[in-house]
């Protein structure tokens, strides 16, 4: 099924999904590195990565919703619904992690105050990874966003 949200004939949703995936993955890795090196700059970097990932996820969701409206196959719709649900929950988790990090007004997070936002980020990342796998199945198995016509 050809994507409805396109730019220059190319599907837009797959163009944007890489940003939140990369940004949120890097934020979790940055948090892990902090546990070994205790450089407080890493916490600030992670906070900005999460914020940028949230913006990227919202931007990716817009063409994703447009494409979702055009799905007619019930099997594909069910998978796309799970893809969307998991992405929304992951977005909420990263939003909570970001909020908890902002709550300290720039003060370094230590001990318990760091572990909770990190745990929430890891949970959000796991949900995002499962959802990304479903997105891959939508494209590669169900041909979502693939132009099957030949010129």
C-alpha atoms as a PDB file:
ATOM      1  CA  UNK A   1       0.000   0.000   0.000  1.00  0.00           C
ATOM      2  CA  UNK A   2       1.421   3.332  -1.011  1.00  0.00           C
ATOM      3  CA  UNK A   3       1.821   5.915   1.775  1.00  0.00           C
ATOM      4  CA  UNK A   4      -0.594   8.846   1.818  1.00  0.00           C
ATOM      5  CA  UNK A   5       1.807  11.240   3.573  1.00  0.00           C
ATOM      6  CA  UNK A   6       4.547  11.782   0.999  1.00  0.00           C
ATOM      7  CA  UNK A   7       7.143  14.339   0.033  1.00  0.00           C
ATOM      8  CA  UNK A   8       8.420  14.271  -3.547  1.00  0.00           C
ATOM      9  CA  UNK A   9       6.692  10.902  -3.922  1.00  0.00           C
ATOM     10  CA  UNK A  10       8.505   9.338  -0.954  1.00  0.00           C
ATOM     11  CA  UNK A  11       6.811   8.282   2.325  1.00  0.00           C
ATOM     12  CA  UNK A  12       7.449  10.807   5.114  1.00  0.00           C
ATOM     13  CA  UNK A  13       6.843   8.679   8.221  1.00  0.00           C
ATOM     14  CA  UNK A  14       9.880   6.415   7.639  1.00  0.00           C
ATOM     15  CA  UNK A  15      12.010   9.522   7.079  1.00  0.00           C
ATOM     16  CA  UNK A  16      11.218  10.860  10.558  1.00  0.00           C
ATOM     17  CA  UNK A  17      11.080   7.749  12.760  1.00  0.00           C
ATOM     18  CA  UNK A  18      14.852   7.360  12.815  1.00  0.00           C
ATOM     19  CA  UNK A  19      15.300  10.544  14.841  1.00  0.00           C
ATOM     20  CA  UNK A  20      13.423   9.583  18.014  1.00  0.00           C
ATOM     21  CA  UNK A  21      14.823   6.055  17.812  1.00  0.00           C
ATOM     22  CA  UNK A  22      18.402   7.344  17.594  1.00  0.00           C
ATOM     23  CA  UNK A  23      17.946  10.164  20.105  1.00  0.00           C
ATOM     24  CA  UNK A  24      16.234   8.056  22.767  1.00  0.00           C
ATOM     25  CA  UNK A  25      18.703   5.205  22.304  1.00  0.00           C
ATOM     26  CA  UNK A  26      21.602   7.623  22.694  1.00  0.00           C
ATOM     27  CA  UNK A  27      19.998   9.148  25.808  1.00  0.00           C
ATOM     28  CA  UNK A  28      19.840   5.733  27.475  1.00  0.00           C
ATOM     29  CA  UNK A  29      23.452   5.027  26.481  1.00  0.00           C
ATOM     30  CA  UNK A  30      24.503   8.448  27.825  1.00  0.00           C
ATOM     31  CA  UNK A  31      22.801   7.644  31.137  1.00  0.00           C
ATOM     32  CA  UNK A  32      24.644   4.309  31.275  1.00  0.00           C
ATOM     33  CA  UNK A  33      27.978   6.011  30.638  1.00  0.00           C
ATOM     34  CA  UNK A  34      27.173   8.450  33.470  1.00  0.00           C
ATOM     35  CA  UNK A  35      26.951   5.541  35.915  1.00  0.00           C
ATOM     36  CA  UNK A  36      30.578   4.679  35.161  1.00  0.00           C
ATOM     37  CA  UNK A  37      32.110   8.142  34.760  1.00  0.00           C
ATOM     38  CA  UNK A  38      29.893  10.425  36.900  1.00  0.00           C
ATOM     39  CA  UNK A  39      30.353  13.376  34.573  1.00  0.00           C
ATOM     40  CA  UNK A  40      27.278  15.560  35.222  1.00  0.00           C
ATOM     41  CA  UNK A  41      27.443  16.928  31.670  1.00  0.00           C
ATOM     42  CA  UNK A  42      26.209  13.522  30.521  1.00  0.00           C
ATOM     43  CA  UNK A  43      22.959  14.039  32.445  1.00  0.00           C
ATOM     44  CA  UNK A  44      22.414  17.371  30.699  1.00  0.00           C
ATOM     45  CA  UNK A  45      23.184  15.808  27.315  1.00  0.00           C
ATOM     46  CA  UNK A  46      20.726  12.991  28.021  1.00  0.00           C
ATOM     47  CA  UNK A  47      18.038  15.508  28.952  1.00  0.00           C
ATOM     48  CA  UNK A  48      18.456  17.339  25.638  1.00  0.00           C
ATOM     49  CA  UNK A  49      18.484  14.059  23.711  1.00  0.00           C
ATOM     50  CA  UNK A  50      15.193  13.062  25.331  1.00  0.00           C
ATOM     51  CA  UNK A  51      13.642  16.456  24.536  1.00  0.00           C
ATOM     52  CA  UNK A  52      14.758  16.268  20.906  1.00  0.00           C
ATOM     53  CA  UNK A  53      13.444  12.690  20.697  1.00  0.00           C
ATOM     54  CA  UNK A  54      10.054  13.821  21.999  1.00  0.00           C
ATOM     55  CA  UNK A  55       9.870  16.493  19.293  1.00  0.00           C
ATOM     56  CA  UNK A  56      10.991  13.968  16.680  1.00  0.00           C
ATOM     57  CA  UNK A  57       8.366  11.450  17.807  1.00  0.00           C
ATOM     58  CA  UNK A  58       5.614  14.038  17.512  1.00  0.00           C
ATOM     59  CA  UNK A  59       6.827  15.004  14.031  1.00  0.00           C
ATOM     60  CA  UNK A  60       6.953  11.339  12.985  1.00  0.00           C
ATOM     61  CA  UNK A  61       3.468  10.701  14.367  1.00  0.00           C
ATOM     62  CA  UNK A  62       1.767  13.241  12.096  1.00  0.00           C
ATOM     63  CA  UNK A  63       2.469  11.458   8.779  1.00  0.00           C
ATOM     64  CA  UNK A  64       2.063   8.127  10.584  1.00  0.00           C
ATOM     65  CA  UNK A  65      -1.516   9.063  11.509  1.00  0.00           C
ATOM     66  CA  UNK A  66      -2.217  10.153   7.936  1.00  0.00           C
ATOM     67  CA  UNK A  67      -0.968   6.786   6.651  1.00  0.00           C
ATOM     68  CA  UNK A  68      -2.886   4.927   9.393  1.00  0.00           C
ATOM     69  CA  UNK A  69      -6.206   6.453   8.249  1.00  0.00           C
ATOM     70  CA  UNK A  70      -5.711   4.873   4.814  1.00  0.00           C
ATOM     71  CA  UNK A  71      -5.279   1.269   6.059  1.00  0.00           C
ATOM     72  CA  UNK A  72      -8.079  -1.015   4.912  1.00  0.00           C
ATOM     73  CA  UNK A  73      -6.782  -4.514   5.808  1.00  0.00           C
ATOM     74  CA  UNK A  74      -7.997  -5.538   9.321  1.00  0.00           C
ATOM     75  CA  UNK A  75      -4.835  -7.549  10.072  1.00  0.00           C
ATOM     76  CA  UNK A  76      -2.635  -4.595   9.169  1.00  0.00           C
ATOM     77  CA  UNK A  77      -4.907  -2.235  11.116  1.00  0.00           C
ATOM     78  CA  UNK A  78      -4.533  -4.378  14.254  1.00  0.00           C
ATOM     79  CA  UNK A  79      -0.732  -4.353  13.963  1.00  0.00           C
ATOM     80  CA  UNK A  80      -0.676  -0.619  13.183  1.00  0.00           C
ATOM     81  CA  UNK A  81      -2.864   0.039  16.235  1.00  0.00           C
ATOM     82  CA  UNK A  82      -0.373  -1.781  18.466  1.00  0.00           C
ATOM     83  CA  UNK A  83       2.468   0.109  16.799  1.00  0.00           C
ATOM     84  CA  UNK A  84       0.708   3.396  17.583  1.00  0.00           C
ATOM     85  CA  UNK A  85      -0.232   2.424  21.150  1.00  0.00           C
ATOM     86  CA  UNK A  86       3.301   1.386  22.037  1.00  0.00           C
ATOM     87  CA  UNK A  87       4.702   4.579  20.513  1.00  0.00           C
ATOM     88  CA  UNK A  88       2.280   6.724  22.487  1.00  0.00           C
ATOM     89  CA  UNK A  89       3.151   4.935  25.727  1.00  0.00           C
ATOM     90  CA  UNK A  90       6.894   5.235  24.964  1.00  0.00           C
ATOM     91  CA  UNK A  91       6.399   8.951  24.274  1.00  0.00           C
ATOM     92  CA  UNK A  92       4.623   9.313  27.625  1.00  0.00           C
ATOM     93  CA  UNK A  93       7.419   7.424  29.413  1.00  0.00           C
ATOM     94  CA  UNK A  94      10.090   9.660  27.902  1.00  0.00           C
ATOM     95  CA  UNK A  95       7.955  12.692  28.708  1.00  0.00           C
ATOM     96  CA  UNK A  96       7.812  11.572  32.347  1.00  0.00           C
ATOM     97  CA  UNK A  97      11.562  10.974  32.378  1.00  0.00           C
ATOM     98  CA  UNK A  98      12.123  14.437  30.917  1.00  0.00           C
ATOM     99  CA  UNK A  99       9.769  16.012  33.474  1.00  0.00           C
ATOM    100  CA  UNK A 100      11.540  14.283  36.368  1.00  0.00           C
ATOM    101  CA  UNK A 101      14.873  15.542  35.052  1.00  0.00           C
ATOM    102  CA  UNK A 102      13.538  19.106  34.756  1.00  0.00           C
ATOM    103  CA  UNK A 103      12.071  18.964  38.227  1.00  0.00           C
ATOM    104  CA  UNK A 104      15.513  19.538  39.741  1.00  0.00           C
ATOM    105  CA  UNK A 105      16.034  22.826  37.862  1.00  0.00           C
ATOM    106  CA  UNK A 106      19.401  21.864  36.457  1.00  0.00           C
ATOM    107  CA  UNK A 107      20.840  20.471  39.686  1.00  0.00           C
ATOM    108  CA  UNK A 108      22.766  17.244  39.139  1.00  0.00           C
ATOM    109  CA  UNK A 109      20.641  14.174  39.673  1.00  0.00           C
ATOM    110  CA  UNK A 110      22.145  11.825  42.204  1.00  0.00           C
ATOM    111  CA  UNK A 111      21.187   8.584  43.824  1.00  0.00           C
ATOM    112  CA  UNK A 112      17.480   7.849  43.881  1.00  0.00           C
ATOM    113  CA  UNK A 113      16.637  10.984  41.858  1.00  0.00           C
ATOM    114  CA  UNK A 114      18.665   9.660  38.937  1.00  0.00           C
ATOM    115  CA  UNK A 115      17.550   6.050  39.082  1.00  0.00           C
ATOM    116  CA  UNK A 116      13.827   6.755  38.601  1.00  0.00           C
ATOM    117  CA  UNK A 117      14.160   8.859  35.396  1.00  0.00           C
ATOM    118  CA  UNK A 118      16.682   6.331  34.066  1.00  0.00           C
ATOM    119  CA  UNK A 119      14.369   3.381  34.779  1.00  0.00           C
ATOM    120  CA  UNK A 120      11.467   5.207  33.111  1.00  0.00           C
ATOM    121  CA  UNK A 121      13.672   5.921  30.071  1.00  0.00           C
ATOM    122  CA  UNK A 122      14.728   2.285  29.809  1.00  0.00           C
ATOM    123  CA  UNK A 123      11.079   1.172  29.963  1.00  0.00           C
ATOM    124  CA  UNK A 124      10.214   3.735  27.275  1.00  0.00           C
ATOM    125  CA  UNK A 125      13.119   2.548  25.152  1.00  0.00           C
ATOM    126  CA  UNK A 126      11.975  -1.089  25.387  1.00  0.00           C
ATOM    127  CA  UNK A 127       8.465  -0.119  24.293  1.00  0.00           C
ATOM    128  CA  UNK A 128       9.896   1.966  21.452  1.00  0.00           C
ATOM    129  CA  UNK A 129      12.081  -0.948  20.321  1.00  0.00           C
ATOM    130  CA  UNK A 130       9.099  -3.335  20.242  1.00  0.00           C
ATOM    131  CA  UNK A 131       7.063  -0.737  18.359  1.00  0.00           C
ATOM    132  CA  UNK A 132       9.890  -0.175  15.876  1.00  0.00           C
ATOM    133  CA  UNK A 133       9.938  -3.911  15.229  1.00  0.00           C
ATOM    134  CA  UNK A 134       6.199  -3.807  14.510  1.00  0.00           C
ATOM    135  CA  UNK A 135       6.810  -0.850  12.194  1.00  0.00           C
ATOM    136  CA  UNK A 136       9.386  -2.905  10.336  1.00  0.00           C
ATOM    137  CA  UNK A 137       6.899  -5.758   9.963  1.00  0.00           C
ATOM    138  CA  UNK A 138       4.318  -3.310   8.628  1.00  0.00           C
ATOM    139  CA  UNK A 139       6.759  -2.267   5.911  1.00  0.00           C
ATOM    140  CA  UNK A 140       8.556  -5.503   5.072  1.00  0.00           C
ATOM    141  CA  UNK A 141       5.786  -8.069   5.581  1.00  0.00           C
ATOM    142  CA  UNK A 142       2.642  -6.050   4.868  1.00  0.00           C
ATOM    143  CA  UNK A 143       4.207  -3.617   2.361  1.00  0.00           C
ATOM    144  CA  UNK A 144       2.940  -0.461   4.113  1.00  0.00           C
ATOM    145  CA  UNK A 145       4.329   2.620   2.434  1.00  0.00           C
ATOM    146  CA  UNK A 146       5.793   0.589  -0.424  1.00  0.00           C
ATOM    147  CA  UNK A 147       5.059   1.692  -3.959  1.00  0.00           C
ATOM    148  CA  UNK A 148       4.461  -1.563  -5.809  1.00  0.00           C
ATOM    149  CA  UNK A 149       3.988   0.043  -9.214  1.00  0.00           C
ATOM    150  CA  UNK A 150       6.837  -0.038 -11.699  1.00  0.00           C
ATOM    151  CA  UNK A 151       7.580   2.745 -14.131  1.00  0.00           C
END
